[in-house]
């Protein structure tokens, strides 16, 4: 089903002459998620645990901050992120038994967390 959906989306794009309009190198080697806040591109790295604010025109890093898990004894990695109303939500997980979502403002200040396992 996924391949069919992909094909249905790809064929019209190719027929309309869609092409890559720009590209740039990622700010780090383990980018696990990207999001757009309406003006800037944001990336989170699953290896270094940094969040990057990027200039969408050229990929320049405008700012960055380290996200860290607040629970002793876990070694989670960031696996996704979303930006809603100026708040960055970053999912941190370790295997299948531990997961938290951490909230930061766009300046990198910690705003809280909640458990993502019910």
PDB file of N, CA and C in Angstrom:
ATOM      1  N   UNK A   1       0.820  -1.196   0.000  1.00  0.00           N
ATOM      2  CA  UNK A   1       0.000   0.000   0.000  1.00  0.00           C
ATOM      3  C   UNK A   1       0.862   1.257   0.000  1.00  0.00           C
ATOM      4  N   UNK A   2       1.944   1.259   0.806  1.00  0.00           N
ATOM      5  CA  UNK A   2       2.813   2.434   0.859  1.00  0.00           C
ATOM      6  C   UNK A   2       3.456   2.703  -0.494  1.00  0.00           C
ATOM      7  N   UNK A   3       3.871   1.640  -1.189  1.00  0.00           N
ATOM      8  CA  UNK A   3       4.511   1.816  -2.491  1.00  0.00           C
ATOM      9  C   UNK A   3       3.508   2.369  -3.500  1.00  0.00           C
ATOM     10  N   UNK A   4       2.276   1.924  -3.435  1.00  0.00           N
ATOM     11  CA  UNK A   4       1.250   2.434  -4.343  1.00  0.00           C
ATOM     12  C   UNK A   4       1.012   3.909  -4.095  1.00  0.00           C
ATOM     13  N   UNK A   5       0.880   4.283  -2.818  1.00  0.00           N
ATOM     14  CA  UNK A   5       0.655   5.682  -2.468  1.00  0.00           C
ATOM     15  C   UNK A   5       1.833   6.532  -2.917  1.00  0.00           C
ATOM     16  N   UNK A   6       3.044   6.062  -2.675  1.00  0.00           N
ATOM     17  CA  UNK A   6       4.235   6.777  -3.107  1.00  0.00           C
ATOM     18  C   UNK A   6       4.225   6.964  -4.625  1.00  0.00           C
ATOM     19  N   UNK A   7       3.909   5.889  -5.350  1.00  0.00           N
ATOM     20  CA  UNK A   7       3.865   5.957  -6.810  1.00  0.00           C
ATOM     21  C   UNK A   7       2.809   6.943  -7.285  1.00  0.00           C
ATOM     22  N   UNK A   8       1.657   6.945  -6.640  1.00  0.00           N
ATOM     23  CA  UNK A   8       0.590   7.872  -7.019  1.00  0.00           C
ATOM     24  C   UNK A   8       1.001   9.317  -6.805  1.00  0.00           C
ATOM     25  N   UNK A   9       1.822   9.583  -5.794  1.00  0.00           N
ATOM     26  CA  UNK A   9       2.294  10.934  -5.533  1.00  0.00           C
ATOM     27  C   UNK A   9       3.470  11.303  -6.426  1.00  0.00           C
ATOM     28  N   UNK A  10       4.315  10.347  -6.735  1.00  0.00           N
ATOM     29  CA  UNK A  10       5.513  10.611  -7.519  1.00  0.00           C
ATOM     30  C   UNK A  10       5.202  10.875  -8.990  1.00  0.00           C
ATOM     31  N   UNK A  11       4.299  10.107  -9.571  1.00  0.00           N
ATOM     32  CA  UNK A  11       3.999  10.240 -10.993  1.00  0.00           C
ATOM     33  C   UNK A  11       3.523  11.652 -11.343  1.00  0.00           C
ATOM     34  N   UNK A  12       2.541  12.231 -10.620  1.00  0.00           N
ATOM     35  CA  UNK A  12       2.144  13.612 -10.956  1.00  0.00           C
ATOM     36  C   UNK A  12       3.281  14.614 -10.770  1.00  0.00           C
ATOM     37  N   UNK A  13       4.114  14.430  -9.746  1.00  0.00           N
ATOM     38  CA  UNK A  13       5.230  15.339  -9.517  1.00  0.00           C
ATOM     39  C   UNK A  13       6.205  15.298 -10.689  1.00  0.00           C
ATOM     40  N   UNK A  14       6.492  14.113 -11.181  1.00  0.00           N
ATOM     41  CA  UNK A  14       7.394  13.982 -12.324  1.00  0.00           C
ATOM     42  C   UNK A  14       6.759  14.550 -13.589  1.00  0.00           C
ATOM     43  N   UNK A  15       5.471  14.316 -13.761  1.00  0.00           N
ATOM     44  CA  UNK A  15       4.777  14.823 -14.946  1.00  0.00           C
ATOM     45  C   UNK A  15       4.758  16.348 -14.957  1.00  0.00           C
ATOM     46  N   UNK A  16       4.739  16.960 -13.791  1.00  0.00           N
ATOM     47  CA  UNK A  16       4.731  18.418 -13.706  1.00  0.00           C
ATOM     48  C   UNK A  16       6.134  19.006 -13.718  1.00  0.00           C
ATOM     49  N   UNK A  17       7.125  18.160 -13.867  1.00  0.00           N
ATOM     50  CA  UNK A  17       8.501  18.642 -13.951  1.00  0.00           C
ATOM     51  C   UNK A  17       9.099  19.006 -12.608  1.00  0.00           C
ATOM     52  N   UNK A  18       8.649  18.379 -11.532  1.00  0.00           N
ATOM     53  CA  UNK A  18       9.186  18.668 -10.205  1.00  0.00           C
ATOM     54  C   UNK A  18      10.671  18.319 -10.160  1.00  0.00           C
ATOM     55  N   UNK A  19      11.426  19.145  -9.472  1.00  0.00           N
ATOM     56  CA  UNK A  19      12.852  18.886  -9.334  1.00  0.00           C
ATOM     57  C   UNK A  19      13.350  19.465  -8.021  1.00  0.00           C
ATOM     58  N   UNK A  20      14.530  19.067  -7.638  1.00  0.00           N
ATOM     59  CA  UNK A  20      15.163  19.605  -6.434  1.00  0.00           C
ATOM     60  C   UNK A  20      15.577  21.040  -6.739  1.00  0.00           C
ATOM     61  N   UNK A  21      15.145  21.980  -5.910  1.00  0.00           N
ATOM     62  CA  UNK A  21      15.467  23.386  -6.173  1.00  0.00           C
ATOM     63  C   UNK A  21      16.687  23.873  -5.397  1.00  0.00           C
ATOM     64  N   UNK A  22      17.011  23.201  -4.321  1.00  0.00           N
ATOM     65  CA  UNK A  22      18.241  23.504  -3.603  1.00  0.00           C
ATOM     66  C   UNK A  22      18.538  22.378  -2.639  1.00  0.00           C
ATOM     67  N   UNK A  23      19.780  22.309  -2.237  1.00  0.00           N
ATOM     68  CA  UNK A  23      20.180  21.318  -1.240  1.00  0.00           C
ATOM     69  C   UNK A  23      21.397  21.854  -0.505  1.00  0.00           C
ATOM     70  N   UNK A  24      21.638  21.300   0.680  1.00  0.00           N
ATOM     71  CA  UNK A  24      22.807  21.669   1.463  1.00  0.00           C
ATOM     72  C   UNK A  24      23.128  20.530   2.399  1.00  0.00           C
ATOM     73  N   UNK A  25      24.346  20.523   2.907  1.00  0.00           N
ATOM     74  CA  UNK A  25      24.773  19.480   3.826  1.00  0.00           C
ATOM     75  C   UNK A  25      24.041  19.602   5.158  1.00  0.00           C
ATOM     76  N   UNK A  26      23.772  18.475   5.767  1.00  0.00           N
ATOM     77  CA  UNK A  26      23.159  18.452   7.095  1.00  0.00           C
ATOM     78  C   UNK A  26      24.160  19.003   8.110  1.00  0.00           C
ATOM     79  N   UNK A  27      23.676  19.593   9.195  1.00  0.00           N
ATOM     80  CA  UNK A  27      24.587  20.174  10.179  1.00  0.00           C
ATOM     81  C   UNK A  27      25.329  19.146  11.023  1.00  0.00           C
ATOM     82  N   UNK A  28      24.888  17.890  10.976  1.00  0.00           N
ATOM     83  CA  UNK A  28      25.503  16.833  11.766  1.00  0.00           C
ATOM     84  C   UNK A  28      25.291  15.515  11.031  1.00  0.00           C
ATOM     85  N   UNK A  29      25.826  14.425  11.561  1.00  0.00           N
ATOM     86  CA  UNK A  29      25.812  13.157  10.832  1.00  0.00           C
ATOM     87  C   UNK A  29      24.653  12.227  11.161  1.00  0.00           C
ATOM     88  N   UNK A  30      23.889  12.509  12.207  1.00  0.00           N
ATOM     89  CA  UNK A  30      22.828  11.592  12.611  1.00  0.00           C
ATOM     90  C   UNK A  30      21.459  12.249  12.697  1.00  0.00           C
ATOM     91  N   UNK A  31      21.099  13.077  11.728  1.00  0.00           N
ATOM     92  CA  UNK A  31      19.816  13.783  11.773  1.00  0.00           C
ATOM     93  C   UNK A  31      18.677  12.767  11.733  1.00  0.00           C
ATOM     94  N   UNK A  32      17.792  12.839  12.730  1.00  0.00           N
ATOM     95  CA  UNK A  32      16.677  11.899  12.825  1.00  0.00           C
ATOM     96  C   UNK A  32      15.333  12.545  12.556  1.00  0.00           C
ATOM     97  N   UNK A  33      15.288  13.882  12.515  1.00  0.00           N
ATOM     98  CA  UNK A  33      14.004  14.538  12.287  1.00  0.00           C
ATOM     99  C   UNK A  33      14.227  15.969  11.818  1.00  0.00           C
ATOM    100  N   UNK A  34      13.285  16.454  11.019  1.00  0.00           N
ATOM    101  CA  UNK A  34      13.265  17.835  10.551  1.00  0.00           C
ATOM    102  C   UNK A  34      11.885  18.418  10.806  1.00  0.00           C
ATOM    103  N   UNK A  35      11.821  19.730  11.009  1.00  0.00           N
ATOM    104  CA  UNK A  35      10.533  20.411  11.104  1.00  0.00           C
ATOM    105  C   UNK A  35      10.698  21.840  10.623  1.00  0.00           C
ATOM    106  N   UNK A  36       9.600  22.448  10.276  1.00  0.00           N
ATOM    107  CA  UNK A  36       9.553  23.798   9.724  1.00  0.00           C
ATOM    108  C   UNK A  36       8.664  24.634  10.621  1.00  0.00           C
ATOM    109  N   UNK A  37       9.136  25.827  11.032  1.00  0.00           N
ATOM    110  CA  UNK A  37       8.334  26.680  11.907  1.00  0.00           C
ATOM    111  C   UNK A  37       7.661  27.842  11.163  1.00  0.00           C
ATOM    112  N   UNK A  38       7.736  27.833   9.841  1.00  0.00           N
ATOM    113  CA  UNK A  38       7.172  28.907   9.042  1.00  0.00           C
ATOM    114  C   UNK A  38       8.242  29.845   8.509  1.00  0.00           C
ATOM    115  N   UNK A  39       9.411  29.869   9.136  1.00  0.00           N
ATOM    116  CA  UNK A  39      10.529  30.688   8.671  1.00  0.00           C
ATOM    117  C   UNK A  39      11.841  29.929   8.647  1.00  0.00           C
ATOM    118  N   UNK A  40      12.025  29.004   9.558  1.00  0.00           N
ATOM    119  CA  UNK A  40      13.296  28.293   9.698  1.00  0.00           C
ATOM    120  C   UNK A  40      13.091  26.785   9.661  1.00  0.00           C
ATOM    121  N   UNK A  41      14.129  26.111   9.230  1.00  0.00           N
ATOM    122  CA  UNK A  41      14.160  24.662   9.252  1.00  0.00           C
ATOM    123  C   UNK A  41      14.865  24.236  10.536  1.00  0.00           C
ATOM    124  N   UNK A  42      14.323  23.246  11.219  1.00  0.00           N
ATOM    125  CA  UNK A  42      14.908  22.736  12.458  1.00  0.00           C
ATOM    126  C   UNK A  42      15.285  21.275  12.252  1.00  0.00           C
ATOM    127  N   UNK A  43      16.388  20.856  12.846  1.00  0.00           N
ATOM    128  CA  UNK A  43      16.854  19.474  12.742  1.00  0.00           C
ATOM    129  C   UNK A  43      17.285  18.991  14.122  1.00  0.00           C
ATOM    130  N   UNK A  44      17.038  17.720  14.400  1.00  0.00           N
ATOM    131  CA  UNK A  44      17.528  17.122  15.643  1.00  0.00           C
ATOM    132  C   UNK A  44      18.432  15.957  15.265  1.00  0.00           C
ATOM    133  N   UNK A  45      19.543  15.841  15.981  1.00  0.00           N
ATOM    134  CA  UNK A  45      20.524  14.796  15.719  1.00  0.00           C
ATOM    135  C   UNK A  45      20.427  13.709  16.785  1.00  0.00           C
ATOM    136  N   UNK A  46      20.223  12.473  16.347  1.00  0.00           N
ATOM    137  CA  UNK A  46      20.076  11.359  17.271  1.00  0.00           C
ATOM    138  C   UNK A  46      21.377  10.874  17.880  1.00  0.00           C
ATOM    139  N   UNK A  47      22.504  11.297  17.334  1.00  0.00           N
ATOM    140  CA  UNK A  47      23.794  10.883  17.861  1.00  0.00           C
ATOM    141  C   UNK A  47      24.325  11.881  18.884  1.00  0.00           C
ATOM    142  N   UNK A  48      24.392  13.139  18.495  1.00  0.00           N
ATOM    143  CA  UNK A  48      24.957  14.166  19.380  1.00  0.00           C
ATOM    144  C   UNK A  48      23.925  14.777  20.319  1.00  0.00           C
ATOM    145  N   UNK A  49      22.644  14.575  20.041  1.00  0.00           N
ATOM    146  CA  UNK A  49      21.528  15.104  20.814  1.00  0.00           C
ATOM    147  C   UNK A  49      21.461  16.635  20.779  1.00  0.00           C
ATOM    148  N   UNK A  50      21.802  17.197  19.631  1.00  0.00           N
ATOM    149  CA  UNK A  50      21.678  18.636  19.431  1.00  0.00           C
ATOM    150  C   UNK A  50      20.475  18.947  18.562  1.00  0.00           C
ATOM    151  N   UNK A  51      19.835  20.074  18.837  1.00  0.00           N
ATOM    152  CA  UNK A  51      18.796  20.625  17.980  1.00  0.00           C
ATOM    153  C   UNK A  51      19.420  21.818  17.261  1.00  0.00           C
ATOM    154  N   UNK A  52      19.193  21.885  15.952  1.00  0.00           N
ATOM    155  CA  UNK A  52      19.764  22.944  15.128  1.00  0.00           C
ATOM    156  C   UNK A  52      18.658  23.770  14.484  1.00  0.00           C
ATOM    157  N   UNK A  53      18.809  25.084  14.532  1.00  0.00           N
ATOM    158  CA  UNK A  53      17.957  26.002  13.792  1.00  0.00           C
ATOM    159  C   UNK A  53      18.745  26.383  12.541  1.00  0.00           C
ATOM    160  N   UNK A  54      18.150  26.130  11.355  1.00  0.00           N
ATOM    161  CA  UNK A  54      18.869  26.306  10.104  1.00  0.00           C
ATOM    162  C   UNK A  54      18.236  27.383   9.225  1.00  0.00           C
ATOM    163  N   UNK A  55      19.073  28.100   8.519  1.00  0.00           N
ATOM    164  CA  UNK A  55      18.601  29.030   7.497  1.00  0.00           C
ATOM    165  C   UNK A  55      18.180  28.182   6.300  1.00  0.00           C
ATOM    166  N   UNK A  56      16.911  28.237   5.896  1.00  0.00           N
ATOM    167  CA  UNK A  56      16.455  27.362   4.811  1.00  0.00           C
ATOM    168  C   UNK A  56      17.060  27.709   3.453  1.00  0.00           C
ATOM    169  N   UNK A  57      17.611  28.900   3.301  1.00  0.00           N
ATOM    170  CA  UNK A  57      18.189  29.301   2.019  1.00  0.00           C
ATOM    171  C   UNK A  57      19.529  28.633   1.744  1.00  0.00           C
ATOM    172  N   UNK A  58      20.323  28.419   2.802  1.00  0.00           N
ATOM    173  CA  UNK A  58      21.675  27.902   2.577  1.00  0.00           C
ATOM    174  C   UNK A  58      22.129  26.849   3.589  1.00  0.00           C
ATOM    175  N   UNK A  59      21.302  26.540   4.589  1.00  0.00           N
ATOM    176  CA  UNK A  59      21.653  25.523   5.574  1.00  0.00           C
ATOM    177  C   UNK A  59      22.548  25.992   6.697  1.00  0.00           C
ATOM    178  N   UNK A  60      22.866  27.298   6.730  1.00  0.00           N
ATOM    179  CA  UNK A  60      23.697  27.807   7.821  1.00  0.00           C
ATOM    180  C   UNK A  60      23.024  27.563   9.167  1.00  0.00           C
ATOM    181  N   UNK A  61      23.809  27.155  10.161  1.00  0.00           N
ATOM    182  CA  UNK A  61      23.293  26.959  11.512  1.00  0.00           C
ATOM    183  C   UNK A  61      23.143  28.332  12.166  1.00  0.00           C
ATOM    184  N   UNK A  62      21.912  28.685  12.505  1.00  0.00           N
ATOM    185  CA  UNK A  62      21.627  29.971  13.137  1.00  0.00           C
ATOM    186  C   UNK A  62      21.776  29.885  14.649  1.00  0.00           C
ATOM    187  N   UNK A  63      21.442  28.717  15.200  1.00  0.00           N
ATOM    188  CA  UNK A  63      21.622  28.463  16.630  1.00  0.00           C
ATOM    189  C   UNK A  63      21.514  26.962  16.861  1.00  0.00           C
ATOM    190  N   UNK A  64      21.936  26.523  18.039  1.00  0.00           N
ATOM    191  CA  UNK A  64      21.819  25.112  18.395  1.00  0.00           C
ATOM    192  C   UNK A  64      21.819  24.989  19.907  1.00  0.00           C
ATOM    193  N   UNK A  65      21.275  23.886  20.375  1.00  0.00           N
ATOM    194  CA  UNK A  65      21.327  23.602  21.807  1.00  0.00           C
ATOM    195  C   UNK A  65      21.281  22.101  22.024  1.00  0.00           C
ATOM    196  N   UNK A  66      21.846  21.689  23.152  1.00  0.00           N
ATOM    197  CA  UNK A  66      21.911  20.284  23.537  1.00  0.00           C
ATOM    198  C   UNK A  66      20.644  19.904  24.282  1.00  0.00           C
ATOM    199  N   UNK A  67      20.066  18.778  23.897  1.00  0.00           N
ATOM    200  CA  UNK A  67      18.940  18.240  24.662  1.00  0.00           C
ATOM    201  C   UNK A  67      19.466  17.040  25.437  1.00  0.00           C
ATOM    202  N   UNK A  68      19.076  16.927  26.664  1.00  0.00           N
ATOM    203  CA  UNK A  68      19.534  15.808  27.480  1.00  0.00           C
ATOM    204  C   UNK A  68      18.360  15.186  28.191  1.00  0.00           C
ATOM    205  N   UNK A  69      18.435  13.887  28.352  1.00  0.00           N
ATOM    206  CA  UNK A  69      17.394  13.187  29.096  1.00  0.00           C
ATOM    207  C   UNK A  69      17.550  13.507  30.571  1.00  0.00           C
ATOM    208  N   UNK A  70      16.444  13.746  31.243  1.00  0.00           N
ATOM    209  CA  UNK A  70      16.470  14.154  32.639  1.00  0.00           C
ATOM    210  C   UNK A  70      16.356  12.978  33.618  1.00  0.00           C
ATOM    211  N   UNK A  71      16.288  11.738  33.108  1.00  0.00           N
ATOM    212  CA  UNK A  71      16.101  10.565  33.962  1.00  0.00           C
ATOM    213  C   UNK A  71      17.429   9.813  34.093  1.00  0.00           C
ATOM    214  N   UNK A  72      17.903   9.664  35.301  1.00  0.00           N
ATOM    215  CA  UNK A  72      19.151   8.953  35.566  1.00  0.00           C
ATOM    216  C   UNK A  72      18.971   7.471  35.231  1.00  0.00           C
ATOM    217  N   UNK A  73      19.981   6.882  34.615  1.00  0.00           N
ATOM    218  CA  UNK A  73      19.949   5.449  34.332  1.00  0.00           C
ATOM    219  C   UNK A  73      19.436   5.098  32.950  1.00  0.00           C
ATOM    220  N   UNK A  74      19.004   6.063  32.184  1.00  0.00           N
ATOM    221  CA  UNK A  74      18.555   5.812  30.821  1.00  0.00           C
ATOM    222  C   UNK A  74      19.560   6.428  29.858  1.00  0.00           C
ATOM    223  N   UNK A  75      19.642   5.895  28.674  1.00  0.00           N
ATOM    224  CA  UNK A  75      20.512   6.450  27.646  1.00  0.00           C
ATOM    225  C   UNK A  75      19.714   6.581  26.349  1.00  0.00           C
ATOM    226  N   UNK A  76      18.675   7.412  26.364  1.00  0.00           N
ATOM    227  CA  UNK A  76      17.813   7.511  25.191  1.00  0.00           C
ATOM    228  C   UNK A  76      18.417   8.379  24.091  1.00  0.00           C
ATOM    229  N   UNK A  77      17.842   8.263  22.916  1.00  0.00           N
ATOM    230  CA  UNK A  77      18.238   9.083  21.781  1.00  0.00           C
ATOM    231  C   UNK A  77      17.008   9.820  21.261  1.00  0.00           C
ATOM    232  N   UNK A  78      17.202  11.012  20.708  1.00  0.00           N
ATOM    233  CA  UNK A  78      16.069  11.714  20.112  1.00  0.00           C
ATOM    234  C   UNK A  78      15.700  11.061  18.787  1.00  0.00           C
ATOM    235  N   UNK A  79      14.412  10.816  18.614  1.00  0.00           N
ATOM    236  CA  UNK A  79      13.962  10.143  17.406  1.00  0.00           C
ATOM    237  C   UNK A  79      12.930  10.910  16.618  1.00  0.00           C
ATOM    238  N   UNK A  80      12.593  12.086  17.063  1.00  0.00           N
ATOM    239  CA  UNK A  80      11.610  12.876  16.335  1.00  0.00           C
ATOM    240  C   UNK A  80      11.395  14.204  17.021  1.00  0.00           C
ATOM    241  N   UNK A  81      10.785  15.126  16.282  1.00  0.00           N
ATOM    242  CA  UNK A  81      10.489  16.423  16.875  1.00  0.00           C
ATOM    243  C   UNK A  81       9.371  17.097  16.106  1.00  0.00           C
ATOM    244  N   UNK A  82       8.718  18.015  16.790  1.00  0.00           N
ATOM    245  CA  UNK A  82       7.675  18.841  16.191  1.00  0.00           C
ATOM    246  C   UNK A  82       7.732  20.211  16.848  1.00  0.00           C
ATOM    247  N   UNK A  83       7.366  21.232  16.089  1.00  0.00           N
ATOM    248  CA  UNK A  83       7.324  22.589  16.622  1.00  0.00           C
ATOM    249  C   UNK A  83       5.881  23.063  16.543  1.00  0.00           C
ATOM    250  N   UNK A  84       5.353  23.453  17.694  1.00  0.00           N
ATOM    251  CA  UNK A  84       3.980  23.928  17.767  1.00  0.00           C
ATOM    252  C   UNK A  84       3.962  25.199  18.598  1.00  0.00           C
ATOM    253  N   UNK A  85       3.542  26.293  17.993  1.00  0.00           N
ATOM    254  CA  UNK A  85       3.401  27.553  18.714  1.00  0.00           C
ATOM    255  C   UNK A  85       4.652  28.004  19.444  1.00  0.00           C
ATOM    256  N   UNK A  86       5.810  27.841  18.852  1.00  0.00           N
ATOM    257  CA  UNK A  86       7.054  28.276  19.477  1.00  0.00           C
ATOM    258  C   UNK A  86       7.633  27.304  20.485  1.00  0.00           C
ATOM    259  N   UNK A  87       7.026  26.129  20.630  1.00  0.00           N
ATOM    260  CA  UNK A  87       7.541  25.095  21.525  1.00  0.00           C
ATOM    261  C   UNK A  87       8.053  23.932  20.692  1.00  0.00           C
ATOM    262  N   UNK A  88       9.255  23.482  21.005  1.00  0.00           N
ATOM    263  CA  UNK A  88       9.850  22.333  20.331  1.00  0.00           C
ATOM    264  C   UNK A  88       9.615  21.100  21.195  1.00  0.00           C
ATOM    265  N   UNK A  89       8.961  20.100  20.625  1.00  0.00           N
ATOM    266  CA  UNK A  89       8.720  18.830  21.301  1.00  0.00           C
ATOM    267  C   UNK A  89       9.681  17.807  20.705  1.00  0.00           C
ATOM    268  N   UNK A  90      10.517  17.220  21.555  1.00  0.00           N
ATOM    269  CA  UNK A  90      11.505  16.247  21.094  1.00  0.00           C
ATOM    270  C   UNK A  90      11.263  14.916  21.782  1.00  0.00           C
ATOM    271  N   UNK A  91      11.027  13.874  20.985  1.00  0.00           N
ATOM    272  CA  UNK A  91      10.811  12.536  21.529  1.00  0.00           C
ATOM    273  C   UNK A  91      12.154  11.874  21.790  1.00  0.00           C
ATOM    274  N   UNK A  92      12.339  11.374  23.008  1.00  0.00           N
ATOM    275  CA  UNK A  92      13.546  10.653  23.385  1.00  0.00           C
ATOM    276  C   UNK A  92      13.119   9.238  23.784  1.00  0.00           C
ATOM    277  N   UNK A  93      13.791   8.230  23.245  1.00  0.00           N
ATOM    278  CA  UNK A  93      13.402   6.863  23.555  1.00  0.00           C
ATOM    279  C   UNK A  93      14.631   5.984  23.774  1.00  0.00           C
ATOM    280  N   UNK A  94      14.406   4.897  24.491  1.00  0.00           N
ATOM    281  CA  UNK A  94      15.436   3.873  24.700  1.00  0.00           C
ATOM    282  C   UNK A  94      14.725   2.531  24.603  1.00  0.00           C
ATOM    283  N   UNK A  95      14.916   1.836  23.499  1.00  0.00           N
ATOM    284  CA  UNK A  95      14.255   0.550  23.296  1.00  0.00           C
ATOM    285  C   UNK A  95      12.755   0.706  23.213  1.00  0.00           C
ATOM    286  N   UNK A  96      12.058  -0.293  23.716  1.00  0.00           N
ATOM    287  CA  UNK A  96      10.596  -0.263  23.641  1.00  0.00           C
ATOM    288  C   UNK A  96       9.941  -0.016  24.994  1.00  0.00           C
ATOM    289  N   UNK A  97      10.737   0.229  26.024  1.00  0.00           N
ATOM    290  CA  UNK A  97      10.146   0.365  27.350  1.00  0.00           C
ATOM    291  C   UNK A  97      10.293   1.758  27.948  1.00  0.00           C
ATOM    292  N   UNK A  98      10.964   2.672  27.250  1.00  0.00           N
ATOM    293  CA  UNK A  98      11.177   3.994  27.816  1.00  0.00           C
ATOM    294  C   UNK A  98      11.021   5.043  26.736  1.00  0.00           C
ATOM    295  N   UNK A  99      10.258   6.050  27.030  1.00  0.00           N
ATOM    296  CA  UNK A  99      10.111   7.155  26.099  1.00  0.00           C
ATOM    297  C   UNK A  99       9.552   8.382  26.784  1.00  0.00           C
ATOM    298  N   UNK A 100      10.165   9.505  26.501  1.00  0.00           N
ATOM    299  CA  UNK A 100       9.712  10.785  27.040  1.00  0.00           C
ATOM    300  C   UNK A 100       9.683  11.804  25.902  1.00  0.00           C
ATOM    301  N   UNK A 101       8.814  12.797  26.050  1.00  0.00           N
ATOM    302  CA  UNK A 101       8.805  13.933  25.147  1.00  0.00           C
ATOM    303  C   UNK A 101       9.236  15.140  25.966  1.00  0.00           C
ATOM    304  N   UNK A 102      10.288  15.800  25.513  1.00  0.00           N
ATOM    305  CA  UNK A 102      10.811  16.974  26.198  1.00  0.00           C
ATOM    306  C   UNK A 102      10.415  18.225  25.437  1.00  0.00           C
ATOM    307  N   UNK A 103      10.078  19.256  26.192  1.00  0.00           N
ATOM    308  CA  UNK A 103       9.653  20.525  25.602  1.00  0.00           C
ATOM    309  C   UNK A 103      10.717  21.584  25.853  1.00  0.00           C
ATOM    310  N   UNK A 104      11.035  22.331  24.791  1.00  0.00           N
ATOM    311  CA  UNK A 104      11.986  23.439  24.857  1.00  0.00           C
ATOM    312  C   UNK A 104      11.390  24.626  24.113  1.00  0.00           C
ATOM    313  N   UNK A 105      11.760  25.837  24.526  1.00  0.00           N
ATOM    314  CA  UNK A 105      11.398  26.969  23.689  1.00  0.00           C
ATOM    315  C   UNK A 105      12.433  27.055  22.572  1.00  0.00           C
ATOM    316  N   UNK A 106      12.209  27.923  21.604  1.00  0.00           N
ATOM    317  CA  UNK A 106      13.100  27.983  20.445  1.00  0.00           C
ATOM    318  C   UNK A 106      14.480  28.540  20.788  1.00  0.00           C
ATOM    319  N   UNK A 107      14.643  29.062  21.991  1.00  0.00           N
ATOM    320  CA  UNK A 107      15.957  29.503  22.453  1.00  0.00           C
ATOM    321  C   UNK A 107      16.732  28.408  23.155  1.00  0.00           C
ATOM    322  N   UNK A 108      16.104  27.234  23.353  1.00  0.00           N
ATOM    323  CA  UNK A 108      16.776  26.107  23.979  1.00  0.00           C
ATOM    324  C   UNK A 108      16.519  25.950  25.463  1.00  0.00           C
ATOM    325  N   UNK A 109      15.601  26.750  26.021  1.00  0.00           N
ATOM    326  CA  UNK A 109      15.297  26.628  27.451  1.00  0.00           C
ATOM    327  C   UNK A 109      14.312  25.486  27.692  1.00  0.00           C
ATOM    328  N   UNK A 110      14.652  24.634  28.639  1.00  0.00           N
ATOM    329  CA  UNK A 110      13.824  23.484  29.007  1.00  0.00           C
ATOM    330  C   UNK A 110      12.487  23.958  29.570  1.00  0.00           C
ATOM    331  N   UNK A 111      11.385  23.366  29.072  1.00  0.00           N
ATOM    332  CA  UNK A 111      10.035  23.764  29.487  1.00  0.00           C
ATOM    333  C   UNK A 111       9.249  22.641  30.181  1.00  0.00           C
ATOM    334  N   UNK A 112       9.809  21.436  30.240  1.00  0.00           N
ATOM    335  CA  UNK A 112       9.099  20.340  30.877  1.00  0.00           C
ATOM    336  C   UNK A 112       9.148  19.082  30.030  1.00  0.00           C
ATOM    337  N   UNK A 113       8.465  18.037  30.520  1.00  0.00           N
ATOM    338  CA  UNK A 113       8.468  16.751  29.824  1.00  0.00           C
ATOM    339  C   UNK A 113       7.220  15.971  30.189  1.00  0.00           C
ATOM    340  N   UNK A 114       6.906  14.975  29.358  1.00  0.00           N
ATOM    341  CA  UNK A 114       5.846  14.044  29.694  1.00  0.00           C
ATOM    342  C   UNK A 114       6.180  12.675  29.113  1.00  0.00           C
ATOM    343  N   UNK A 115       5.672  11.644  29.767  1.00  0.00           N
ATOM    344  CA  UNK A 115       5.898  10.257  29.381  1.00  0.00           C
ATOM    345  C   UNK A 115       5.075   9.954  28.135  1.00  0.00           C
ATOM    346  N   UNK A 116       5.681   9.299  27.148  1.00  0.00           N
ATOM    347  CA  UNK A 116       4.916   8.976  25.938  1.00  0.00           C
ATOM    348  C   UNK A 116       4.448   7.533  25.901  1.00  0.00           C
ATOM    349  N   UNK A 117       4.722   6.780  26.967  1.00  0.00           N
ATOM    350  CA  UNK A 117       4.196   5.416  27.066  1.00  0.00           C
ATOM    351  C   UNK A 117       2.991   5.409  27.970  1.00  0.00           C
ATOM    352  N   UNK A 118       1.914   4.824  27.498  1.00  0.00           N
ATOM    353  CA  UNK A 118       0.674   4.787  28.301  1.00  0.00           C
ATOM    354  C   UNK A 118       0.560   3.488  29.045  1.00  0.00           C
TER     355      UNK A 118
END
